[in-house]
Protein backbone atom coordinates (compact mmCIF):
# COMPACT_ATOMS: atom_id res chain seq x y z
CA MET A 1 18.80 -1.33 6.82
CA PRO A 2 18.63 2.34 6.04
CA GLU A 3 16.66 4.55 8.29
CA ILE A 4 13.18 5.90 7.23
CA VAL A 5 13.27 7.72 4.10
CA THR A 6 11.58 10.98 4.50
CA LYS A 7 10.28 13.33 1.83
CA ASN A 8 13.05 15.65 2.60
CA THR A 9 15.75 13.06 2.06
CA LEU A 10 13.99 11.94 -1.15
CA LYS A 11 13.94 15.52 -2.36
CA GLN A 12 17.62 16.07 -1.57
CA THR A 13 18.58 13.03 -3.42
CA LEU A 14 16.51 14.09 -6.35
CA ARG A 15 18.01 17.58 -6.36
CA LYS A 16 21.36 16.01 -6.83
CA GLY A 17 19.84 14.69 -10.12
CA ASP A 18 20.19 11.06 -9.26
CA GLY A 19 16.83 9.32 -9.81
CA LYS A 20 18.49 5.98 -9.80
CA GLU A 21 19.98 6.65 -6.30
CA ALA A 22 16.58 7.73 -5.12
CA VAL A 23 14.99 4.52 -6.40
CA ALA A 24 17.88 2.49 -4.76
CA LEU A 25 17.48 4.24 -1.54
CA LEU A 26 13.72 3.44 -1.51
CA TYR A 27 14.22 -0.15 -2.58
CA ALA A 28 16.93 -0.66 0.15
CA ARG A 29 14.57 0.61 2.86
CA TYR A 30 11.11 -0.59 1.63
CA GLY A 31 11.68 -3.23 -0.82
CA PRO A 32 11.54 -6.29 1.65
CA MET A 33 8.50 -4.77 3.45
CA LEU A 34 6.76 -4.11 0.10
CA TYR A 35 7.54 -7.71 -1.09
CA GLY A 36 6.01 -9.15 2.09
CA TYR A 37 2.99 -6.84 1.62
CA ILE A 38 2.56 -8.10 -2.01
CA LEU A 39 2.85 -11.69 -1.04
CA LYS A 40 -0.16 -11.37 1.22
CA PHE A 41 -2.24 -10.87 -1.88
CA VAL A 42 -0.25 -12.63 -4.57
CA PRO A 43 1.06 -15.87 -2.94
CA ALA A 44 3.12 -17.02 -6.04
CA GLN A 45 6.61 -15.63 -5.40
CA LYS A 46 7.61 -15.12 -9.14
CA ASP A 47 4.43 -13.00 -9.57
CA ALA A 48 5.06 -11.10 -6.45
CA GLU A 49 8.69 -10.40 -7.53
CA LYS A 50 7.38 -9.04 -10.95
CA ILE A 51 5.03 -6.76 -9.24
CA LEU A 52 7.87 -5.46 -7.01
CA VAL A 53 10.10 -4.92 -10.01
CA ASN A 54 7.29 -3.17 -11.85
CA LEU A 55 6.67 -0.96 -8.85
CA PHE A 56 10.30 0.22 -8.56
CA ALA A 57 10.62 0.48 -12.33
CA LYS A 58 7.78 3.04 -12.57
CA LEU A 59 9.18 5.15 -9.63
CA PRO A 60 11.41 7.50 -11.63
CA GLY A 61 8.49 9.26 -13.24
CA GLN A 62 6.45 9.23 -10.06
CA MET A 63 8.91 10.75 -7.64
CA GLU A 64 7.34 14.30 -7.68
CA GLU A 65 3.92 12.66 -6.78
CA ALA A 66 5.47 10.76 -3.92
CA CYS A 67 7.14 13.83 -2.46
CA SER A 68 3.91 15.96 -2.71
CA SER A 69 1.47 13.20 -1.42
CA PRO A 70 0.09 13.84 2.10
CA LEU A 71 0.85 10.21 2.79
CA SER A 72 4.31 9.00 4.25
CA ILE A 73 6.67 7.65 1.55
CA TYR A 74 5.93 4.08 2.61
CA SER A 75 2.14 4.58 2.52
CA TRP A 76 2.44 6.13 -0.84
CA LEU A 77 4.55 3.15 -2.07
CA GLN A 78 2.11 0.67 -0.46
CA GLY A 79 -0.75 2.39 -2.54
CA ARG A 80 1.17 1.91 -5.63
CA ALA A 81 1.95 -1.73 -4.86
CA ARG A 82 -1.81 -2.34 -4.06
CA GLU A 83 -2.81 -0.83 -7.44
CA LEU A 84 -0.37 -3.23 -9.27
CA VAL A 85 -1.69 -6.22 -7.20
CA LEU A 86 -5.17 -5.31 -8.24
CA ILE A 87 -4.13 -5.06 -11.83
CA HIS A 88 -2.30 -8.33 -11.46
CA ASN A 89 -5.34 -10.14 -10.00
CA HIS A 90 -7.67 -8.75 -12.80
CA VAL A 91 -9.67 -7.10 -10.04
CA ARG A 92 -9.13 -3.64 -11.27
CA HIS A 93 -11.55 -3.11 -14.26
CA GLU A 94 -11.64 0.25 -16.00
CA ASN A 95 -14.20 1.46 -13.46
CA ALA A 96 -13.09 -0.35 -10.38
CA THR A 97 -13.12 2.09 -7.53
CA PHE A 98 -12.86 2.17 -3.66
CA THR A 99 -16.56 2.68 -3.56
CA GLU A 100 -17.02 -0.79 -5.14
CA CYS A 101 -14.72 -2.23 -2.37
CA MET A 102 -16.83 -0.44 0.18
CA ALA A 103 -19.96 -1.89 -1.48
CA MET A 104 -18.62 -5.38 -0.96
CA LEU A 105 -18.24 -4.54 2.69
CA ALA A 106 -21.82 -3.25 3.03
CA ASP A 107 -22.98 -6.23 5.11
CA ALA A 108 -19.76 -6.35 7.18
CA PRO A 109 -19.69 -4.97 10.71
CA ALA A 110 -19.04 -1.23 10.87
CA ILE A 111 -15.61 -1.76 12.54
CA LEU A 112 -14.43 -3.80 9.54
CA GLN A 113 -15.64 -1.02 7.13
CA GLU A 114 -14.11 1.71 9.24
CA THR A 115 -10.69 -0.15 9.49
CA PHE A 116 -10.54 -0.79 5.75
CA MET A 117 -11.49 2.88 4.91
CA GLU A 118 -8.96 4.42 7.31
CA ILE A 119 -6.17 2.27 6.10
CA TYR A 120 -6.86 1.98 2.48
CA LEU A 121 -8.43 5.24 1.61
CA LYS A 122 -6.91 7.65 4.09
CA GLY A 123 -3.50 5.95 4.38
CA ARG A 124 -3.52 5.63 8.10
CA SER A 125 -1.06 3.20 9.85
CA ARG A 126 -2.42 0.36 11.95
CA THR A 127 -1.06 2.26 15.03
CA GLU A 128 -3.11 5.33 14.18
CA VAL A 129 -6.24 3.38 13.67
CA ALA A 130 -5.72 1.48 16.80
CA ALA A 131 -5.44 4.76 18.71
CA MET A 132 -8.50 6.17 16.93
CA GLN A 133 -10.65 2.94 17.62
CA GLN A 134 -9.15 2.75 21.12
CA THR A 135 -7.98 -0.81 20.60
CA THR A 136 -4.86 -2.75 19.88
CA GLU A 137 -2.82 -2.91 16.72
CA ALA A 138 -3.46 -6.78 16.78
CA GLU A 139 -7.22 -6.16 16.70
CA VAL A 140 -6.78 -3.58 13.86
CA ALA A 141 -4.76 -6.19 11.84
CA LYS A 142 -7.49 -8.86 12.55
CA ASN A 143 -10.26 -6.53 11.34
CA LEU A 144 -8.39 -5.52 8.40
CA PHE A 145 -7.62 -9.18 7.50
CA ALA A 146 -11.30 -9.96 7.97
CA ALA A 147 -12.40 -7.14 5.65
CA LEU A 148 -9.96 -8.14 2.84
CA SER A 149 -11.00 -11.73 3.26
CA ILE A 150 -14.71 -10.66 2.54
CA ILE A 151 -13.47 -8.56 -0.47
CA ARG A 152 -11.45 -11.53 -1.90
CA LYS A 153 -14.20 -13.98 -1.32
CA LYS A 154 -16.66 -11.65 -3.29
CA LEU A 155 -14.20 -11.12 -6.12
CA SER A 156 -13.51 -14.83 -6.65
């Protein structure tokens, strides 16, 4: 598996004028992880595969945005995957916003709200959130799963 793809690596690949190579580089490194991420929300493998293909098909026109984002390349890709998952699940209406997701968590414990906000709004990793909350990554994962479960339940 290739090493982490940094913004500099991506920029250098793009400077060579090879957008296809840049997409291939990102797919080789992050495709399997993103597929696993998508499967958490879209259990049907064929649908998850379509979302993954759509994600990488749209990348050539979004490379500058990825390079200029304050997020890591993987976090940025995960955000794009999340958008496609929401569209696929017909959750994202024209005015669907992060605020609406937070409203669904209004009655949830504050730790679930904070975990969801830090990971989904601010793009922090579980490791960063665990350090910030002075807890373990396993606890952060548990809290995130609980928050997402509440949102899914309210959307169904």
